[in-house]
Amino acid sequence: MAAKDHIATASDPEFAGRVMMIMFKVAQNVASEDPATANHAERIAYGSFVIMGNEKPQLVSAHVISSNPTISGAIDSDPAALGSNVPDGDIEFALASIWDARSLAFAAA
């Protein structure tokens, strides 16, 4: 793992743009989830923050990369690809996996 390769990918406009588009998809899924879901109020509030365009895609990209070994491994295997070798489904899975952590951090701020 080279942190500089992960930073370059998180900062890449195309990769960050993909993360942003998928953030909207995950936020919409959260808006439709069962209200009994754990941390639902925080998840909805964070989803609204995302939908209003207030989240920073490059920051979320860094969180996605750092939290998911499949994504970081794909970047490590071909740093020059700047994440173009990472499937959208992997990004969506990573976003769904970190949504509670981001929601709770947002609520605490």
N, C-alpha and C. Protein backbone atom coordinates (compact mmCIF):
# COMPACT_ATOMS: atom_id res chain seq x y z
N MET A 1 0.84 -1.18 0.00
CA MET A 1 0.00 0.00 0.00
C MET A 1 0.88 1.24 0.00
N ALA A 2 0.60 2.12 -0.92
CA ALA A 2 1.27 3.41 -0.94
C ALA A 2 0.21 4.48 -0.74
N ALA A 3 0.31 5.18 0.38
CA ALA A 3 -0.68 6.21 0.69
C ALA A 3 -0.77 7.24 -0.42
N LYS A 4 0.36 7.54 -1.06
CA LYS A 4 0.34 8.56 -2.13
C LYS A 4 -0.53 8.11 -3.29
N ASP A 5 -0.57 6.80 -3.57
CA ASP A 5 -1.44 6.30 -4.64
C ASP A 5 -2.91 6.40 -4.24
N HIS A 6 -3.19 6.17 -2.98
CA HIS A 6 -4.57 6.29 -2.50
C HIS A 6 -5.02 7.75 -2.50
N ILE A 7 -4.12 8.64 -2.11
CA ILE A 7 -4.42 10.08 -2.13
C ILE A 7 -4.67 10.54 -3.56
N ALA A 8 -3.82 10.09 -4.49
CA ALA A 8 -3.98 10.48 -5.90
C ALA A 8 -5.32 10.01 -6.43
N THR A 9 -5.74 8.80 -6.07
CA THR A 9 -7.03 8.28 -6.54
C THR A 9 -8.19 9.04 -5.90
N ALA A 10 -8.13 9.25 -4.59
CA ALA A 10 -9.22 9.98 -3.91
C ALA A 10 -9.34 11.39 -4.46
N SER A 11 -8.24 11.97 -4.90
CA SER A 11 -8.23 13.34 -5.42
C SER A 11 -8.55 13.42 -6.90
N ASP A 12 -8.56 12.28 -7.57
CA ASP A 12 -8.84 12.26 -9.02
C ASP A 12 -10.29 12.68 -9.27
N PRO A 13 -10.52 13.67 -10.11
CA PRO A 13 -11.89 14.15 -10.34
C PRO A 13 -12.85 13.07 -10.85
N GLU A 14 -12.36 12.17 -11.68
CA GLU A 14 -13.25 11.12 -12.19
C GLU A 14 -13.64 10.15 -11.09
N PHE A 15 -12.67 9.70 -10.30
CA PHE A 15 -13.00 8.77 -9.21
C PHE A 15 -13.90 9.45 -8.18
N ALA A 16 -13.56 10.66 -7.78
CA ALA A 16 -14.39 11.39 -6.81
C ALA A 16 -15.79 11.63 -7.37
N GLY A 17 -15.89 11.86 -8.67
CA GLY A 17 -17.20 12.05 -9.30
C GLY A 17 -18.02 10.77 -9.27
N ARG A 18 -17.36 9.64 -9.48
CA ARG A 18 -18.08 8.36 -9.39
C ARG A 18 -18.59 8.14 -7.97
N VAL A 19 -17.73 8.42 -7.00
CA VAL A 19 -18.15 8.28 -5.60
C VAL A 19 -19.33 9.19 -5.31
N MET A 20 -19.28 10.41 -5.82
CA MET A 20 -20.38 11.36 -5.59
C MET A 20 -21.69 10.82 -6.15
N MET A 21 -21.67 10.32 -7.37
CA MET A 21 -22.90 9.80 -7.98
C MET A 21 -23.46 8.64 -7.17
N ILE A 22 -22.57 7.77 -6.72
CA ILE A 22 -23.02 6.61 -5.94
C ILE A 22 -23.45 7.03 -4.55
N MET A 23 -22.87 8.10 -4.00
CA MET A 23 -23.33 8.65 -2.72
C MET A 23 -24.81 9.04 -2.82
N PHE A 24 -25.18 9.66 -3.94
CA PHE A 24 -26.58 10.04 -4.13
C PHE A 24 -27.47 8.80 -4.16
N LYS A 25 -27.03 7.76 -4.81
CA LYS A 25 -27.80 6.52 -4.87
C LYS A 25 -28.00 5.92 -3.48
N VAL A 26 -26.91 5.88 -2.70
CA VAL A 26 -27.01 5.33 -1.35
C VAL A 26 -27.90 6.22 -0.48
N ALA A 27 -27.76 7.53 -0.62
CA ALA A 27 -28.60 8.46 0.15
C ALA A 27 -30.07 8.24 -0.18
N GLN A 28 -30.38 8.01 -1.44
CA GLN A 28 -31.77 7.76 -1.83
C GLN A 28 -32.27 6.44 -1.26
N ASN A 29 -31.41 5.43 -1.26
CA ASN A 29 -31.78 4.14 -0.65
C ASN A 29 -32.07 4.32 0.84
N VAL A 30 -31.25 5.11 1.51
CA VAL A 30 -31.46 5.36 2.94
C VAL A 30 -32.78 6.09 3.16
N ALA A 31 -33.12 7.01 2.28
CA ALA A 31 -34.38 7.76 2.41
C ALA A 31 -35.59 6.83 2.34
N SER A 32 -35.41 5.68 1.72
CA SER A 32 -36.52 4.73 1.56
C SER A 32 -36.45 3.56 2.54
N GLU A 33 -35.47 3.58 3.43
CA GLU A 33 -35.30 2.42 4.31
C GLU A 33 -36.35 2.37 5.41
N ASP A 34 -36.45 1.23 6.03
CA ASP A 34 -37.37 1.01 7.15
C ASP A 34 -36.99 1.95 8.29
N PRO A 35 -37.95 2.70 8.81
CA PRO A 35 -37.66 3.61 9.93
C PRO A 35 -37.13 2.90 11.17
N ALA A 36 -37.29 1.58 11.25
CA ALA A 36 -36.78 0.83 12.40
C ALA A 36 -35.29 0.50 12.25
N THR A 37 -34.70 0.86 11.13
CA THR A 37 -33.27 0.62 10.92
C THR A 37 -32.46 1.34 12.00
N ALA A 38 -31.46 0.68 12.52
CA ALA A 38 -30.60 1.30 13.54
C ALA A 38 -30.02 2.61 13.02
N ASN A 39 -30.02 3.62 13.86
CA ASN A 39 -29.47 4.94 13.53
C ASN A 39 -30.21 5.62 12.38
N HIS A 40 -31.47 5.27 12.21
CA HIS A 40 -32.24 5.79 11.07
C HIS A 40 -32.26 7.33 11.02
N ALA A 41 -32.52 7.97 12.12
CA ALA A 41 -32.61 9.44 12.12
C ALA A 41 -31.29 10.06 11.68
N GLU A 42 -30.18 9.53 12.19
CA GLU A 42 -28.87 10.05 11.81
C GLU A 42 -28.55 9.74 10.34
N ARG A 43 -28.94 8.56 9.90
CA ARG A 43 -28.70 8.15 8.51
C ARG A 43 -29.48 9.05 7.54
N ILE A 44 -30.72 9.37 7.91
CA ILE A 44 -31.56 10.25 7.09
C ILE A 44 -30.97 11.66 7.06
N ALA A 45 -30.55 12.15 8.22
CA ALA A 45 -29.98 13.51 8.28
C ALA A 45 -28.72 13.60 7.42
N TYR A 46 -27.88 12.60 7.51
CA TYR A 46 -26.66 12.61 6.70
C TYR A 46 -27.01 12.47 5.21
N GLY A 47 -27.99 11.63 4.91
CA GLY A 47 -28.44 11.49 3.52
C GLY A 47 -28.93 12.81 2.96
N SER A 48 -29.64 13.58 3.75
CA SER A 48 -30.10 14.90 3.32
C SER A 48 -28.93 15.83 3.06
N PHE A 49 -27.93 15.77 3.92
CA PHE A 49 -26.71 16.56 3.75
C PHE A 49 -26.05 16.23 2.41
N VAL A 50 -25.99 14.93 2.10
CA VAL A 50 -25.40 14.48 0.84
C VAL A 50 -26.25 14.96 -0.34
N ILE A 51 -27.55 14.74 -0.28
CA ILE A 51 -28.45 15.10 -1.39
C ILE A 51 -28.43 16.60 -1.67
N MET A 52 -28.25 17.40 -0.62
CA MET A 52 -28.18 18.85 -0.81
C MET A 52 -26.84 19.29 -1.38
N GLY A 53 -25.92 18.35 -1.56
CA GLY A 53 -24.62 18.66 -2.17
C GLY A 53 -23.61 19.24 -1.21
N ASN A 54 -23.78 18.99 0.08
CA ASN A 54 -22.88 19.57 1.07
C ASN A 54 -21.69 18.69 1.44
N GLU A 55 -21.70 17.43 1.03
CA GLU A 55 -20.59 16.53 1.35
C GLU A 55 -19.45 16.73 0.35
N LYS A 56 -18.25 16.40 0.78
CA LYS A 56 -17.05 16.55 -0.05
C LYS A 56 -16.68 15.19 -0.66
N PRO A 57 -16.92 15.00 -1.96
CA PRO A 57 -16.66 13.70 -2.57
C PRO A 57 -15.22 13.20 -2.42
N GLN A 58 -14.25 14.11 -2.45
CA GLN A 58 -12.86 13.66 -2.30
C GLN A 58 -12.62 13.11 -0.89
N LEU A 59 -13.20 13.73 0.10
CA LEU A 59 -13.07 13.24 1.47
C LEU A 59 -13.73 11.87 1.61
N VAL A 60 -14.92 11.73 1.06
CA VAL A 60 -15.62 10.44 1.13
C VAL A 60 -14.85 9.40 0.31
N SER A 61 -14.26 9.80 -0.80
CA SER A 61 -13.45 8.88 -1.60
C SER A 61 -12.30 8.32 -0.76
N ALA A 62 -11.65 9.19 0.00
CA ALA A 62 -10.55 8.74 0.86
C ALA A 62 -11.06 7.75 1.90
N HIS A 63 -12.24 8.00 2.45
CA HIS A 63 -12.83 7.09 3.45
C HIS A 63 -13.16 5.75 2.80
N VAL A 64 -13.73 5.79 1.60
CA VAL A 64 -14.05 4.57 0.86
C VAL A 64 -12.79 3.74 0.63
N ILE A 65 -11.74 4.39 0.17
CA ILE A 65 -10.49 3.68 -0.13
C ILE A 65 -9.87 3.12 1.14
N SER A 66 -9.81 3.93 2.18
CA SER A 66 -9.13 3.50 3.40
C SER A 66 -9.90 2.43 4.17
N SER A 67 -11.19 2.35 3.96
CA SER A 67 -12.00 1.40 4.73
C SER A 67 -12.26 0.08 4.02
N ASN A 68 -11.92 -0.01 2.75
CA ASN A 68 -12.28 -1.21 1.99
C ASN A 68 -11.04 -1.84 1.37
N PRO A 69 -10.63 -3.02 1.86
CA PRO A 69 -9.42 -3.65 1.35
C PRO A 69 -9.51 -4.08 -0.12
N THR A 70 -10.69 -4.37 -0.60
CA THR A 70 -10.84 -4.73 -2.02
C THR A 70 -10.54 -3.52 -2.90
N ILE A 71 -11.06 -2.37 -2.52
CA ILE A 71 -10.83 -1.15 -3.29
C ILE A 71 -9.38 -0.71 -3.19
N SER A 72 -8.84 -0.69 -1.98
CA SER A 72 -7.44 -0.28 -1.84
C SER A 72 -6.52 -1.25 -2.56
N GLY A 73 -6.87 -2.54 -2.56
CA GLY A 73 -6.07 -3.53 -3.28
C GLY A 73 -6.10 -3.32 -4.78
N ALA A 74 -7.27 -2.95 -5.30
CA ALA A 74 -7.37 -2.67 -6.75
C ALA A 74 -6.51 -1.47 -7.11
N ILE A 75 -6.51 -0.46 -6.26
CA ILE A 75 -5.68 0.73 -6.52
C ILE A 75 -4.21 0.36 -6.42
N ASP A 76 -3.85 -0.44 -5.42
CA ASP A 76 -2.45 -0.86 -5.26
C ASP A 76 -1.97 -1.68 -6.46
N SER A 77 -2.88 -2.47 -7.06
CA SER A 77 -2.49 -3.32 -8.18
C SER A 77 -2.23 -2.55 -9.46
N ASP A 78 -2.82 -1.35 -9.58
CA ASP A 78 -2.63 -0.53 -10.79
C ASP A 78 -2.82 0.94 -10.44
N PRO A 79 -1.84 1.54 -9.76
CA PRO A 79 -1.99 2.92 -9.31
C PRO A 79 -2.29 3.91 -10.43
N ALA A 80 -1.75 3.66 -11.62
CA ALA A 80 -1.95 4.58 -12.73
C ALA A 80 -3.40 4.62 -13.21
N ALA A 81 -4.17 3.61 -12.87
CA ALA A 81 -5.59 3.56 -13.28
C ALA A 81 -6.43 4.54 -12.48
N LEU A 82 -5.91 5.04 -11.36
CA LEU A 82 -6.63 6.01 -10.51
C LEU A 82 -8.05 5.56 -10.18
N GLY A 83 -8.18 4.26 -9.89
CA GLY A 83 -9.47 3.73 -9.47
C GLY A 83 -10.42 3.36 -10.59
N SER A 84 -10.01 3.55 -11.83
CA SER A 84 -10.91 3.18 -12.94
C SER A 84 -11.13 1.66 -12.99
N ASN A 85 -10.27 0.91 -12.32
CA ASN A 85 -10.41 -0.54 -12.25
C ASN A 85 -11.26 -1.00 -11.06
N VAL A 86 -11.84 -0.06 -10.35
CA VAL A 86 -12.72 -0.38 -9.21
C VAL A 86 -14.16 -0.36 -9.72
N PRO A 87 -14.87 -1.49 -9.62
CA PRO A 87 -16.27 -1.52 -10.07
C PRO A 87 -17.17 -0.62 -9.22
N ASP A 88 -18.18 -0.04 -9.85
CA ASP A 88 -19.14 0.79 -9.13
C ASP A 88 -19.78 0.03 -7.97
N GLY A 89 -20.03 -1.26 -8.17
CA GLY A 89 -20.65 -2.06 -7.11
C GLY A 89 -19.79 -2.12 -5.85
N ASP A 90 -18.47 -2.14 -6.03
CA ASP A 90 -17.58 -2.14 -4.87
C ASP A 90 -17.65 -0.81 -4.14
N ILE A 91 -17.74 0.28 -4.89
CA ILE A 91 -17.87 1.60 -4.28
C ILE A 91 -19.19 1.69 -3.52
N GLU A 92 -20.26 1.21 -4.13
CA GLU A 92 -21.58 1.25 -3.47
C GLU A 92 -21.56 0.43 -2.18
N PHE A 93 -20.95 -0.74 -2.22
CA PHE A 93 -20.86 -1.58 -1.03
C PHE A 93 -20.08 -0.86 0.07
N ALA A 94 -18.96 -0.25 -0.30
CA ALA A 94 -18.14 0.46 0.68
C ALA A 94 -18.90 1.64 1.28
N LEU A 95 -19.61 2.38 0.44
CA LEU A 95 -20.40 3.51 0.95
C LEU A 95 -21.47 3.04 1.92
N ALA A 96 -22.17 1.98 1.56
CA ALA A 96 -23.20 1.45 2.45
C ALA A 96 -22.57 0.98 3.77
N SER A 97 -21.35 0.46 3.69
CA SER A 97 -20.67 -0.03 4.88
C SER A 97 -20.22 1.08 5.82
N ILE A 98 -19.91 2.24 5.29
CA ILE A 98 -19.42 3.34 6.13
C ILE A 98 -20.51 4.37 6.44
N TRP A 99 -21.72 4.15 5.92
CA TRP A 99 -22.79 5.15 6.07
C TRP A 99 -23.10 5.44 7.54
N ASP A 100 -23.18 4.41 8.37
CA ASP A 100 -23.47 4.65 9.79
C ASP A 100 -22.36 5.48 10.43
N ALA A 101 -21.11 5.12 10.17
CA ALA A 101 -20.00 5.87 10.78
C ALA A 101 -20.03 7.33 10.36
N ARG A 102 -20.28 7.58 9.08
CA ARG A 102 -20.33 8.96 8.59
C ARG A 102 -21.55 9.67 9.18
N SER A 103 -22.67 8.97 9.26
CA SER A 103 -23.90 9.55 9.81
C SER A 103 -23.72 9.95 11.27
N LEU A 104 -23.11 9.07 12.04
CA LEU A 104 -22.93 9.34 13.46
C LEU A 104 -21.89 10.46 13.68
N ALA A 105 -20.87 10.49 12.84
CA ALA A 105 -19.89 11.58 12.93
C ALA A 105 -20.54 12.92 12.57
N PHE A 106 -21.39 12.90 11.53
CA PHE A 106 -22.11 14.10 11.12
C PHE A 106 -23.02 14.59 12.25
N ALA A 107 -23.71 13.64 12.90
CA ALA A 107 -24.62 14.00 13.99
C ALA A 107 -23.87 14.58 15.19
N ALA A 108 -22.67 14.11 15.40
CA ALA A 108 -21.88 14.57 16.56
C ALA A 108 -21.25 15.93 16.32
N ALA A 109 -21.18 16.34 15.05
CA ALA A 109 -20.49 17.60 14.72
C ALA A 109 -21.32 18.80 15.07
